[in-house]
Amino acid sequence: MNKIAYALLAILLGGIGIHRFYARRFVSGILYILFCWTAIPAILGIVEGIVALTEEDDGNGFLIVNPDKYFV
């Protein structure tokens, strides 16, 4: 999963959980959609986007996905 694409999706469309579907985390993506009327998913999306930008990549610009971590 591309680091820049994930971060942009999280920051710009994080309120509706598009970045979670991009990361193939469908259950949390659906939860983001269900709670999109609150500000919580939008705030979490911005935080996840910033965290993704600060994460170390694999050398090719791709995030290393750990299935045990909530944040990518």
Protein backbone atom coordinates (compact mmCIF):
# COMPACT_ATOMS: atom_id res chain seq x y z
CA MET A 1 0.00 0.00 0.00
CA ASN A 2 1.45 3.32 -1.08
CA LYS A 3 2.36 5.58 1.83
CA ILE A 4 1.48 8.88 0.15
CA ALA A 5 -1.82 7.62 -1.25
CA TYR A 6 -2.87 6.24 2.13
CA ALA A 7 -1.93 9.48 3.93
CA LEU A 8 -3.79 11.65 1.41
CA LEU A 9 -6.88 9.46 1.58
CA ALA A 10 -6.76 9.53 5.38
CA ILE A 11 -6.36 13.30 5.61
CA LEU A 12 -8.81 14.27 2.86
CA LEU A 13 -11.44 11.51 3.05
CA GLY A 14 -10.79 10.08 6.50
CA GLY A 15 -14.17 11.22 7.75
CA ILE A 16 -15.88 8.53 5.70
CA GLY A 17 -13.17 5.89 6.06
CA ILE A 18 -11.95 5.56 2.49
CA HIS A 19 -8.38 5.03 3.71
CA ARG A 20 -9.49 2.03 5.78
CA PHE A 21 -10.95 0.36 2.69
CA TYR A 22 -7.70 1.14 0.83
CA ALA A 23 -5.83 -0.67 3.62
CA ARG A 24 -8.28 -3.60 3.29
CA ARG A 25 -9.67 -3.11 6.78
CA PHE A 26 -13.30 -3.37 5.83
CA VAL A 27 -14.86 -3.66 9.28
CA SER A 28 -13.26 -0.45 10.54
CA GLY A 29 -14.13 1.21 7.21
CA ILE A 30 -17.78 0.38 7.75
CA LEU A 31 -17.56 1.72 11.31
CA TYR A 32 -16.14 4.98 9.97
CA ILE A 33 -19.08 5.24 7.56
CA LEU A 34 -21.59 4.51 10.32
CA PHE A 35 -20.15 7.23 12.53
CA CYS A 36 -19.33 9.77 9.81
CA TRP A 37 -22.00 12.12 11.17
CA THR A 38 -19.78 12.70 14.21
CA ALA A 39 -16.39 14.37 14.05
CA ILE A 40 -14.60 11.35 15.49
CA PRO A 41 -13.73 9.60 12.17
CA ALA A 42 -12.50 12.87 10.66
CA ILE A 43 -10.18 13.50 13.61
CA LEU A 44 -8.96 9.90 13.54
CA GLY A 45 -8.39 10.15 9.79
CA ILE A 46 -6.17 13.20 10.18
CA VAL A 47 -4.22 11.52 12.98
CA GLU A 48 -3.82 8.30 10.96
CA GLY A 49 -2.65 10.28 7.94
CA ILE A 50 0.02 12.06 9.97
CA VAL A 51 1.08 8.80 11.60
CA ALA A 52 1.35 7.15 8.17
CA LEU A 53 3.57 9.96 6.91
CA THR A 54 5.91 9.53 9.87
CA GLU A 55 6.04 5.72 9.60
CA GLU A 56 9.06 4.15 7.97
CA ASP A 57 8.48 2.69 4.51
CA ASP A 58 10.08 -0.33 2.84
CA GLY A 59 12.39 1.73 0.60
CA ASN A 60 9.99 1.83 -2.33
CA GLY A 61 7.42 4.15 -0.73
CA PHE A 62 5.15 1.41 0.53
CA LEU A 63 3.98 1.05 4.11
CA ILE A 64 4.82 -2.12 5.97
CA VAL A 65 1.45 -3.44 7.12
CA ASN A 66 1.31 -5.23 10.44
CA PRO A 67 -2.08 -6.92 10.84
CA ASP A 68 -1.89 -6.65 14.64
CA LYS A 69 -1.64 -2.86 14.67
CA TYR A 70 -4.72 -0.64 14.55
CA PHE A 71 -2.91 2.26 12.92
CA VAL A 72 -1.18 1.48 9.68
